[in-house]
N, C-alpha and C. Protein backbone atom coordinates (compact mmCIF):
# COMPACT_ATOMS: atom_id res chain seq x y z
N MET A 1 34.06 -5.20 6.31
CA MET A 1 33.05 -4.31 6.82
C MET A 1 32.03 -4.68 7.83
N PRO A 2 31.56 -6.07 7.67
CA PRO A 2 30.69 -6.43 8.82
C PRO A 2 31.49 -6.37 10.24
N ARG A 3 32.68 -6.76 10.19
CA ARG A 3 33.42 -6.90 11.47
C ARG A 3 33.60 -5.49 12.17
N LEU A 4 34.07 -4.60 11.14
CA LEU A 4 34.13 -3.23 11.41
C LEU A 4 32.75 -2.72 12.16
N LEU A 5 31.81 -2.83 11.63
CA LEU A 5 30.49 -2.30 11.99
C LEU A 5 30.13 -3.00 13.46
N ALA A 6 30.34 -4.48 13.63
CA ALA A 6 30.08 -4.99 14.73
C ALA A 6 31.14 -4.51 15.96
N ALA A 7 32.29 -4.13 15.42
CA ALA A 7 33.05 -3.33 16.55
C ALA A 7 32.49 -2.12 17.12
N LEU A 8 31.89 -1.37 16.00
CA LEU A 8 31.44 -0.12 16.22
C LEU A 8 30.24 -0.14 17.14
N ARG A 9 29.41 -1.22 17.10
CA ARG A 9 28.22 -1.33 18.02
C ARG A 9 28.59 -1.56 19.58
N SER A 10 29.96 -1.97 19.89
CA SER A 10 30.48 -2.11 21.03
C SER A 10 30.93 -0.74 21.64
N PHE A 11 31.13 0.31 20.96
CA PHE A 11 31.58 1.50 21.52
C PHE A 11 30.76 1.97 22.59
N ARG A 12 31.17 2.40 23.69
CA ARG A 12 30.27 2.89 24.81
C ARG A 12 29.94 4.21 25.04
N LYS A 13 30.65 5.34 24.44
CA LYS A 13 30.42 6.63 24.83
C LYS A 13 28.94 6.85 24.04
N PRO A 14 28.20 7.44 25.03
CA PRO A 14 26.60 7.89 24.60
C PRO A 14 26.58 8.56 23.34
N VAL A 15 25.61 8.24 22.76
CA VAL A 15 25.23 8.96 21.46
C VAL A 15 24.69 10.50 21.80
N THR A 16 25.38 11.31 21.88
CA THR A 16 24.84 12.85 22.15
C THR A 16 24.78 13.77 20.95
N SER A 17 25.53 13.66 20.11
CA SER A 17 25.32 14.48 18.90
C SER A 17 24.29 13.86 17.85
N GLY A 18 24.06 12.64 17.92
CA GLY A 18 23.19 12.02 16.91
C GLY A 18 23.89 11.63 15.82
N TYR A 19 24.97 11.93 15.60
CA TYR A 19 25.83 11.53 14.46
C TYR A 19 26.13 10.12 14.40
N PRO A 20 26.34 9.28 13.27
CA PRO A 20 26.67 7.99 13.18
C PRO A 20 28.14 7.84 13.68
N ARG A 21 28.54 6.66 14.17
CA ARG A 21 29.86 6.46 14.60
C ARG A 21 30.95 6.11 13.69
N LEU A 22 30.36 6.15 12.41
CA LEU A 22 31.20 5.78 11.19
C LEU A 22 31.40 6.88 10.31
N ILE A 23 32.63 7.24 9.91
CA ILE A 23 32.78 8.46 8.84
C ILE A 23 33.80 7.86 7.78
N VAL A 24 33.36 8.16 6.59
CA VAL A 24 34.16 7.50 5.63
C VAL A 24 34.81 9.01 4.70
N LEU A 25 36.02 9.06 4.41
CA LEU A 25 36.51 10.12 3.74
C LEU A 25 36.83 9.75 2.23
N THR A 26 36.53 10.58 1.33
CA THR A 26 37.32 10.22 0.08
C THR A 26 38.61 10.69 -0.13
N ASP A 27 39.26 9.92 -1.12
CA ASP A 27 40.55 10.44 -1.38
C ASP A 27 40.81 10.08 -3.03
N PRO A 28 40.39 11.07 -3.81
CA PRO A 28 40.63 10.70 -5.37
C PRO A 28 42.06 10.63 -5.54
N ALA A 29 43.12 11.26 -4.87
CA ALA A 29 44.38 11.08 -5.22
C ALA A 29 45.01 9.78 -5.06
N ARG A 30 44.23 9.11 -4.18
CA ARG A 30 44.69 7.68 -3.93
C ARG A 30 43.72 6.77 -4.65
N GLY A 31 43.01 7.26 -5.77
CA GLY A 31 42.14 6.30 -6.49
C GLY A 31 41.00 5.78 -6.05
N TYR A 32 40.27 6.32 -5.01
CA TYR A 32 39.04 5.97 -4.55
C TYR A 32 37.97 6.74 -5.06
N ASP A 33 37.10 6.05 -5.81
CA ASP A 33 35.94 6.74 -6.52
C ASP A 33 34.87 7.04 -5.72
N LEU A 34 34.32 8.37 -5.75
CA LEU A 34 33.34 8.74 -4.76
C LEU A 34 31.91 8.00 -4.97
N ALA A 35 31.53 7.61 -6.19
CA ALA A 35 30.32 6.97 -6.41
C ALA A 35 30.44 5.62 -5.59
N ARG A 36 31.65 4.89 -6.04
CA ARG A 36 31.77 3.46 -5.28
C ARG A 36 31.85 3.53 -3.60
N GLN A 37 32.55 4.66 -3.26
CA GLN A 37 32.60 4.58 -1.83
C GLN A 37 31.20 5.00 -1.30
N ALA A 38 30.30 5.91 -1.79
CA ALA A 38 29.11 6.15 -1.36
C ALA A 38 28.28 5.06 -1.66
N ALA A 39 28.21 4.04 -2.49
CA ALA A 39 27.50 2.84 -2.42
C ALA A 39 28.09 2.00 -1.35
N ALA A 40 29.14 1.88 -1.14
CA ALA A 40 29.85 0.95 -0.09
C ALA A 40 29.36 1.30 1.50
N CYS A 41 29.25 2.69 1.51
CA CYS A 41 28.92 3.30 2.85
C CYS A 41 27.60 2.80 3.32
N PRO A 42 27.67 2.30 4.52
CA PRO A 42 26.28 2.05 5.21
C PRO A 42 25.50 3.06 5.43
N PRO A 43 24.09 3.16 5.35
CA PRO A 43 23.31 4.32 5.51
C PRO A 43 23.41 5.11 6.79
N GLU A 44 23.93 4.34 7.77
CA GLU A 44 24.07 5.02 9.16
C GLU A 44 25.60 5.34 9.10
N SER A 45 26.08 6.39 8.26
CA SER A 45 27.50 6.82 8.28
C SER A 45 27.39 8.04 7.63
N ILE A 46 28.60 8.72 7.78
CA ILE A 46 28.77 10.08 7.34
C ILE A 46 29.96 9.86 6.12
N LEU A 47 29.70 10.51 4.86
CA LEU A 47 30.62 10.45 3.93
C LEU A 47 31.06 11.95 3.63
N ILE A 48 32.49 12.03 3.75
CA ILE A 48 33.01 13.28 3.52
C ILE A 48 33.89 13.32 2.16
N GLU A 49 33.47 14.27 1.42
CA GLU A 49 34.09 14.31 0.10
C GLU A 49 35.29 15.53 0.24
N ARG A 50 36.36 14.93 0.33
CA ARG A 50 37.61 15.96 0.26
C ARG A 50 37.69 16.60 -1.13
N THR A 51 37.45 17.82 -1.29
CA THR A 51 37.33 18.44 -2.66
C THR A 51 38.46 19.09 -3.09
N TYR A 52 39.31 19.49 -2.11
CA TYR A 52 40.73 20.19 -2.44
C TYR A 52 40.24 21.48 -3.61
N GLY A 53 39.28 22.13 -2.88
CA GLY A 53 38.96 23.31 -3.75
C GLY A 53 37.97 23.36 -4.90
N LYS A 54 37.47 22.07 -5.38
CA LYS A 54 36.71 21.90 -6.30
C LYS A 54 35.39 21.77 -5.89
N LYS A 55 34.22 21.79 -6.77
CA LYS A 55 33.01 21.87 -6.37
C LYS A 55 32.56 20.39 -6.03
N PRO A 56 31.73 20.01 -5.17
CA PRO A 56 31.40 18.53 -4.85
C PRO A 56 30.79 17.94 -5.93
N THR A 57 31.09 16.68 -5.96
CA THR A 57 30.36 15.75 -7.09
C THR A 57 28.84 15.50 -6.79
N ALA A 58 28.27 15.63 -7.95
CA ALA A 58 26.80 15.37 -7.77
C ALA A 58 26.69 13.79 -7.76
N LEU A 59 25.85 13.25 -6.82
CA LEU A 59 25.62 11.88 -6.96
C LEU A 59 24.13 11.61 -7.23
N ARG A 60 23.81 10.65 -8.06
CA ARG A 60 22.45 10.51 -8.31
C ARG A 60 21.83 9.76 -7.19
N GLY A 61 20.30 9.86 -7.14
CA GLY A 61 19.74 9.07 -5.97
C GLY A 61 18.88 10.21 -5.21
N PRO A 62 17.86 9.61 -4.56
CA PRO A 62 17.09 10.58 -3.77
C PRO A 62 17.74 11.20 -2.44
N ARG A 63 17.66 12.27 -2.12
CA ARG A 63 18.20 12.94 -0.95
C ARG A 63 17.56 12.33 0.16
N GLY A 64 18.38 11.90 1.19
CA GLY A 64 17.95 11.43 2.46
C GLY A 64 18.32 9.86 2.50
N ARG A 65 18.83 9.38 1.31
CA ARG A 65 18.88 7.94 1.44
C ARG A 65 20.41 7.82 1.43
N GLY A 66 21.09 6.84 1.79
CA GLY A 66 22.41 6.42 1.88
C GLY A 66 22.98 7.33 3.06
N PRO A 67 24.30 7.53 3.08
CA PRO A 67 25.16 8.11 3.99
C PRO A 67 24.93 9.81 4.05
N ILE A 68 25.04 10.32 5.22
CA ILE A 68 24.81 11.81 5.24
C ILE A 68 26.25 12.45 4.62
N ARG A 69 25.92 13.37 3.70
CA ARG A 69 26.97 13.83 2.82
C ARG A 69 27.59 15.19 3.21
N LEU A 70 28.87 15.25 3.39
CA LEU A 70 29.53 16.55 3.83
C LEU A 70 30.73 16.84 2.77
N ALA A 71 31.26 17.90 2.65
CA ALA A 71 32.29 18.19 1.81
C ALA A 71 33.16 19.32 2.39
N THR A 72 34.41 19.21 2.04
CA THR A 72 35.25 20.55 2.45
C THR A 72 35.16 21.63 1.60
N VAL A 73 33.85 22.35 1.89
CA VAL A 73 33.56 23.57 0.76
C VAL A 73 33.06 24.56 1.70
N PRO A 74 33.07 25.83 1.26
CA PRO A 74 32.21 26.93 2.06
C PRO A 74 30.84 26.47 2.21
N PRO A 75 30.23 27.08 3.22
CA PRO A 75 28.79 26.98 3.55
C PRO A 75 27.85 27.07 2.35
N ARG A 76 28.13 28.36 1.72
CA ARG A 76 27.16 28.48 0.70
C ARG A 76 27.16 27.36 -0.53
N VAL A 77 28.52 27.04 -0.93
CA VAL A 77 28.47 25.80 -1.74
C VAL A 77 27.74 24.41 -1.15
N ALA A 78 27.97 24.31 -0.06
CA ALA A 78 27.30 23.13 0.47
C ALA A 78 25.89 23.23 0.41
N ARG A 79 25.23 24.48 0.60
CA ARG A 79 23.63 24.68 0.42
C ARG A 79 23.37 24.57 -1.13
N GLN A 80 24.18 25.30 -1.93
CA GLN A 80 23.94 25.08 -3.48
C GLN A 80 23.95 23.58 -3.83
N THR A 81 24.88 22.97 -3.32
CA THR A 81 24.93 21.42 -3.86
C THR A 81 24.18 20.47 -3.16
N GLN A 82 23.14 20.96 -2.28
CA GLN A 82 22.22 20.07 -1.30
C GLN A 82 22.88 19.10 -0.56
N LEU A 83 24.18 19.45 -0.07
CA LEU A 83 24.86 18.54 1.04
C LEU A 83 24.29 18.78 2.44
N ASP A 84 24.56 17.79 3.31
CA ASP A 84 23.99 17.79 4.63
C ASP A 84 24.93 18.67 5.39
N GLY A 85 26.00 18.92 5.07
CA GLY A 85 26.92 19.79 6.00
C GLY A 85 28.42 19.95 5.27
N ILE A 86 29.17 20.38 6.16
CA ILE A 86 30.48 20.76 5.75
C ILE A 86 31.81 20.16 6.82
N HIS A 87 32.82 19.89 6.25
CA HIS A 87 33.94 19.50 7.01
C HIS A 87 35.04 20.51 7.04
N TRP A 88 35.46 20.74 8.02
CA TRP A 88 36.59 21.90 8.30
C TRP A 88 37.99 20.96 8.42
N PRO A 89 38.83 21.12 7.54
CA PRO A 89 40.27 20.65 7.69
C PRO A 89 40.88 21.60 8.93
N GLU A 90 41.84 21.06 9.60
CA GLU A 90 42.22 21.76 10.56
C GLU A 90 42.87 23.29 10.29
N ARG A 91 43.55 23.12 9.14
CA ARG A 91 44.17 24.40 8.54
C ARG A 91 43.00 25.45 8.22
N ARG A 92 41.71 25.14 8.01
CA ARG A 92 40.73 26.14 7.62
C ARG A 92 39.78 26.37 8.62
N LEU A 93 40.09 25.85 9.84
CA LEU A 93 39.13 26.25 10.92
C LEU A 93 38.93 27.88 11.11
N ARG A 94 40.08 28.54 10.95
CA ARG A 94 40.04 30.13 11.12
C ARG A 94 38.87 30.89 10.24
N LEU A 95 38.43 29.91 9.16
CA LEU A 95 37.58 30.64 8.27
C LEU A 95 36.06 30.47 8.65
N ARG A 96 35.91 29.69 9.69
CA ARG A 96 34.52 29.15 9.98
C ARG A 96 33.80 30.39 10.89
N HIS A 97 32.83 30.68 10.32
CA HIS A 97 31.71 31.60 11.18
C HIS A 97 30.49 31.03 11.53
N ARG A 98 30.09 30.99 12.72
CA ARG A 98 28.95 30.17 13.12
C ARG A 98 27.64 30.66 12.58
N SER A 99 27.47 31.88 12.37
CA SER A 99 26.26 32.29 11.59
C SER A 99 25.97 31.73 10.41
N LYS A 100 27.07 31.53 9.60
CA LYS A 100 26.84 31.02 8.25
C LYS A 100 26.69 29.44 8.21
N THR A 101 26.67 28.81 9.38
CA THR A 101 26.50 27.42 9.21
C THR A 101 25.53 26.78 10.13
N SER A 102 24.66 27.63 10.62
CA SER A 102 23.75 27.30 11.50
C SER A 102 22.85 26.02 11.24
N ASP A 103 22.54 25.96 10.06
CA ASP A 103 21.69 24.87 9.43
C ASP A 103 22.38 23.64 8.86
N LEU A 104 23.78 23.43 8.97
CA LEU A 104 24.55 22.52 8.44
C LEU A 104 25.21 21.55 9.55
N ILE A 105 25.38 20.23 9.25
CA ILE A 105 26.27 19.34 10.18
C ILE A 105 27.55 19.87 9.86
N GLU A 106 28.33 19.80 11.07
CA GLU A 106 29.72 20.23 10.85
C GLU A 106 30.67 19.23 11.56
N THR A 107 31.75 18.79 10.81
CA THR A 107 32.82 17.97 11.60
C THR A 107 34.15 18.95 11.33
N ALA A 108 35.35 18.53 11.96
CA ALA A 108 36.51 19.23 11.72
C ALA A 108 37.55 17.97 11.92
N SER A 109 38.72 18.38 11.60
CA SER A 109 40.06 17.65 11.78
C SER A 109 40.75 18.24 12.80
N ALA A 110 41.63 17.49 13.58
CA ALA A 110 42.56 17.86 14.46
C ALA A 110 43.80 16.95 14.63
N HIS A 111 44.89 17.54 14.68
CA HIS A 111 46.00 16.70 15.03
C HIS A 111 46.48 16.77 16.46
N ARG A 112 46.06 17.73 17.18
CA ARG A 112 46.52 18.01 18.60
C ARG A 112 45.39 18.48 19.35
N GLY A 113 45.74 18.49 20.73
CA GLY A 113 44.62 18.93 21.65
C GLY A 113 44.35 20.40 21.42
N LEU A 114 45.41 21.44 21.02
CA LEU A 114 45.07 22.70 20.82
C LEU A 114 43.92 22.79 19.67
N SER A 115 43.91 22.15 18.71
CA SER A 115 43.09 22.21 17.34
C SER A 115 41.73 21.71 17.90
N ILE A 116 41.78 20.64 18.82
CA ILE A 116 40.46 20.25 19.21
C ILE A 116 39.82 21.25 20.12
N ALA A 117 40.57 21.81 20.94
CA ALA A 117 39.85 23.01 21.66
C ALA A 117 39.46 24.26 20.75
N LYS A 118 40.03 24.35 19.77
CA LYS A 118 39.74 25.56 18.74
C LYS A 118 38.41 25.01 18.19
N ALA A 119 38.27 24.02 17.71
CA ALA A 119 37.08 23.54 17.14
C ALA A 119 36.01 23.32 18.11
N GLN A 120 36.19 22.99 19.33
CA GLN A 120 35.21 22.87 20.40
C GLN A 120 34.56 24.48 20.74
N GLN A 121 35.63 25.30 20.88
CA GLN A 121 35.37 26.82 21.03
C GLN A 121 34.43 27.33 19.83
N LEU A 122 34.50 26.94 18.69
CA LEU A 122 33.88 27.37 17.52
C LEU A 122 32.26 26.66 17.42
N GLY A 123 32.04 25.68 18.39
CA GLY A 123 30.74 25.01 18.48
C GLY A 123 30.94 23.77 17.74
N ILE A 124 31.90 23.23 17.12
CA ILE A 124 31.84 21.98 16.27
C ILE A 124 32.12 20.70 17.44
N LYS A 125 31.30 19.83 17.40
CA LYS A 125 31.34 18.68 18.38
C LYS A 125 31.81 17.45 17.96
N ALA A 126 31.81 17.27 16.64
CA ALA A 126 32.31 16.08 15.93
C ALA A 126 33.66 16.36 15.48
N ILE A 127 34.87 15.54 15.84
CA ILE A 127 36.07 16.12 15.58
C ILE A 127 36.88 14.71 15.19
N LEU A 128 37.53 14.80 14.08
CA LEU A 128 38.38 13.57 13.63
C LEU A 128 39.69 13.78 13.91
N VAL A 129 40.23 12.92 14.79
CA VAL A 129 41.64 13.02 15.38
C VAL A 129 42.56 12.14 14.64
N SER A 130 43.89 12.79 14.14
CA SER A 130 44.64 11.74 13.38
C SER A 130 45.89 12.16 13.84
N VAL A 131 46.73 11.33 13.69
CA VAL A 131 46.60 9.88 13.25
C VAL A 131 46.36 9.06 14.25
N ALA A 132 45.62 8.26 14.29
CA ALA A 132 45.21 7.28 15.45
C ALA A 132 46.32 6.09 15.48
N PHE A 133 46.37 5.36 14.27
CA PHE A 133 47.53 4.25 14.14
C PHE A 133 48.28 4.40 12.89
N PRO A 134 49.26 3.66 12.86
CA PRO A 134 50.21 3.86 11.78
C PRO A 134 49.53 3.51 10.44
N SER A 135 49.61 4.32 9.59
CA SER A 135 48.95 4.31 8.10
C SER A 135 49.64 4.53 7.07
N GLN A 136 49.22 4.16 6.00
CA GLN A 136 49.88 4.28 4.64
C GLN A 136 49.56 5.65 3.77
N SER A 137 48.65 6.41 4.48
CA SER A 137 48.23 7.66 3.97
C SER A 137 49.04 8.65 3.78
N PRO A 138 49.49 9.32 2.56
CA PRO A 138 50.40 10.30 2.50
C PRO A 138 50.12 11.57 3.64
N SER A 139 48.94 11.82 3.75
CA SER A 139 48.62 12.89 4.77
C SER A 139 48.82 12.43 6.24
N ALA A 140 48.75 11.18 6.41
CA ALA A 140 49.41 10.73 7.73
C ALA A 140 50.72 10.83 8.13
N ASN A 141 51.59 10.98 7.31
CA ASN A 141 53.05 10.98 7.44
C ASN A 141 53.63 12.44 6.80
N GLY A 142 52.68 13.46 6.89
CA GLY A 142 52.99 14.78 6.50
C GLY A 142 53.50 15.49 7.60
N PRO A 143 54.08 16.77 7.34
CA PRO A 143 54.43 17.53 8.43
C PRO A 143 53.48 18.25 9.23
N GLY A 144 53.86 17.97 10.64
CA GLY A 144 52.88 18.67 11.54
C GLY A 144 51.91 17.73 12.09
N VAL A 145 51.94 16.59 11.66
CA VAL A 145 50.96 15.36 12.02
C VAL A 145 51.39 14.82 13.29
N GLY A 146 52.68 14.39 13.32
CA GLY A 146 53.08 13.76 14.66
C GLY A 146 53.11 12.26 14.51
N ARG A 147 53.38 11.56 15.69
CA ARG A 147 53.37 10.19 15.55
C ARG A 147 51.87 9.56 15.94
N PRO A 148 51.67 8.41 15.37
CA PRO A 148 50.52 7.81 15.70
C PRO A 148 50.04 7.91 17.28
N LYS A 149 48.80 8.35 17.53
CA LYS A 149 48.47 8.37 18.96
C LYS A 149 48.15 7.15 19.86
N GLY A 150 47.72 6.12 19.15
CA GLY A 150 47.30 4.82 19.87
C GLY A 150 46.06 4.95 20.82
N VAL A 151 45.63 4.04 21.40
CA VAL A 151 44.40 4.01 22.13
C VAL A 151 44.43 4.77 23.57
N ILE A 152 45.65 4.73 24.07
CA ILE A 152 45.71 5.47 25.44
C ILE A 152 45.64 7.05 25.28
N ARG A 153 46.53 7.61 24.31
CA ARG A 153 46.47 8.93 24.07
C ARG A 153 45.05 9.58 23.49
N LEU A 154 44.51 8.65 22.64
CA LEU A 154 42.99 8.88 22.16
C LEU A 154 42.00 8.93 23.20
N ALA A 155 42.16 8.02 24.26
CA ALA A 155 41.21 7.88 25.50
C ALA A 155 41.43 9.15 26.37
N LEU A 156 42.80 9.80 26.17
CA LEU A 156 42.95 10.82 27.22
C LEU A 156 42.39 12.12 26.64
N LEU A 157 42.54 12.09 25.23
CA LEU A 157 41.96 13.37 24.49
C LEU A 157 40.38 13.31 24.59
N GLN A 158 39.86 12.16 24.62
CA GLN A 158 38.38 12.17 24.78
C GLN A 158 37.97 12.63 26.20
N ARG A 159 38.72 12.19 27.08
CA ARG A 159 38.45 12.53 28.56
C ARG A 159 38.63 14.03 28.81
N ALA A 160 39.72 14.52 28.12
CA ALA A 160 39.97 15.99 28.19
C ALA A 160 38.91 16.84 27.70
N PHE A 161 38.04 16.30 26.51
CA PHE A 161 37.01 16.87 25.80
C PHE A 161 35.87 16.25 25.96
N PRO A 162 35.10 16.03 27.10
CA PRO A 162 34.11 15.08 27.06
C PRO A 162 32.73 15.44 26.45
N SER A 163 32.74 16.91 26.08
CA SER A 163 31.61 17.42 25.46
C SER A 163 31.67 17.13 23.82
N CYS A 164 32.90 16.72 23.42
CA CYS A 164 33.18 16.64 21.90
C CYS A 164 32.82 14.88 21.63
N ASP A 165 32.46 14.72 20.37
CA ASP A 165 32.40 13.33 19.78
C ASP A 165 33.83 13.30 18.96
N LEU A 166 34.83 12.43 19.41
CA LEU A 166 35.98 12.28 18.86
C LEU A 166 36.00 10.99 18.02
N TYR A 167 36.51 11.14 16.95
CA TYR A 167 36.56 10.07 15.94
C TYR A 167 38.04 9.77 15.56
N ALA A 168 38.61 8.57 15.80
CA ALA A 168 39.99 8.14 15.46
C ALA A 168 40.06 7.87 13.87
N LEU A 169 41.08 8.49 13.48
CA LEU A 169 41.30 8.64 11.73
C LEU A 169 42.79 8.09 11.80
N GLY A 170 42.96 7.11 10.71
CA GLY A 170 44.37 6.69 10.57
C GLY A 170 44.64 5.25 10.92
N GLY A 171 44.75 4.34 10.07
CA GLY A 171 45.06 2.91 10.55
C GLY A 171 43.93 2.26 10.83
N ILE A 172 42.63 2.42 10.54
CA ILE A 172 41.48 1.95 11.30
C ILE A 172 41.17 0.78 10.27
N ARG A 173 40.84 -0.37 11.03
CA ARG A 173 40.49 -1.60 10.67
C ARG A 173 39.61 -2.15 11.77
N ALA A 174 38.99 -3.30 11.27
CA ALA A 174 38.33 -3.99 12.37
C ALA A 174 38.92 -4.21 13.62
N LYS A 175 40.20 -4.74 13.52
CA LYS A 175 41.06 -4.85 14.85
C LYS A 175 41.20 -3.62 15.64
N THR A 176 41.79 -2.52 14.93
CA THR A 176 41.93 -1.38 15.67
C THR A 176 40.65 -0.80 16.41
N ALA A 177 39.61 -0.85 15.61
CA ALA A 177 38.25 -0.51 16.11
C ALA A 177 37.81 -1.20 17.35
N ARG A 178 38.24 -2.61 17.44
CA ARG A 178 37.82 -3.40 18.60
C ARG A 178 38.67 -2.76 19.72
N LEU A 179 40.03 -2.38 19.35
CA LEU A 179 40.90 -1.94 20.41
C LEU A 179 40.32 -0.63 21.05
N LEU A 180 39.72 0.22 20.09
CA LEU A 180 39.15 1.67 20.56
C LEU A 180 37.90 1.36 21.37
N ALA A 181 37.22 0.29 21.29
CA ALA A 181 35.86 0.19 21.51
C ALA A 181 35.72 0.41 23.20
N ARG A 182 36.77 0.15 24.03
CA ARG A 182 36.69 0.50 25.42
C ARG A 182 37.29 1.96 25.67
N SER A 183 37.64 2.62 24.88
CA SER A 183 38.48 4.00 25.10
C SER A 183 37.49 5.05 25.41
N ASN A 184 36.32 4.69 25.24
CA ASN A 184 35.32 5.83 25.43
C ASN A 184 35.38 6.84 24.34
N LEU A 185 36.02 6.55 23.19
CA LEU A 185 36.04 7.31 21.95
C LEU A 185 34.61 7.15 21.31
N TYR A 186 34.29 8.27 20.62
CA TYR A 186 32.85 8.19 19.96
C TYR A 186 32.77 7.33 18.64
N GLY A 187 33.78 7.28 17.72
CA GLY A 187 33.81 6.50 16.68
C GLY A 187 35.01 6.56 15.90
N VAL A 188 34.87 6.22 14.50
CA VAL A 188 36.19 6.02 13.72
C VAL A 188 35.82 6.61 12.52
N ALA A 189 36.90 7.10 11.85
CA ALA A 189 36.94 7.66 10.62
C ALA A 189 37.77 7.02 9.70
N LEU A 190 37.69 6.70 8.31
CA LEU A 190 38.69 5.99 7.56
C LEU A 190 38.46 6.23 6.20
N ILE A 191 39.47 5.92 5.43
CA ILE A 191 39.47 6.21 3.90
C ILE A 191 39.50 4.80 3.31
N SER A 192 40.56 3.93 3.53
CA SER A 192 40.65 2.67 2.75
C SER A 192 40.08 1.58 3.42
N GLY A 193 39.63 1.84 4.77
CA GLY A 193 39.00 0.59 5.50
C GLY A 193 37.80 -0.13 4.93
N LEU A 194 37.13 0.49 4.08
CA LEU A 194 35.82 -0.05 3.45
C LEU A 194 36.29 -1.28 2.53
């Protein structure tokens, strides 16, 4: 983890959104426990709980400490469970209504430029682009995902969407983060890299 955080400090894209450069996603299907992931996350990160339709897990501890917490839930549920915001998977972007999310932090997932454009049009600035590098994740090898983008394609996407903060997702380690440092990408998102 220290090498990954050191690599993130060398990222060049200016901090415009104010969001951290590291996003960690949960994956209970792969055996990653939310409480342990939250404890392992640095305070200057975002933790996205992928709930798959379930209510977010209540974590003990004072609000405002630890990572910024988001979940893949409707805005009403995010407020009820005192989350900091919501994450929109690519296939759920069509459900987003700006008036209902005005006080929440928002991120979205995208597998291609059209989805980035859709998220940008909806006012979402922080977008997780996958698959960045080869990954063992089942979702990285699913239908519609495409082949890994690599540094050059990710840099071209960031250049095409300069007002968005793009995060590389998939195959992220300290070594791949160092490769991305000069790409002008905003940050990285990971599941198992902790």
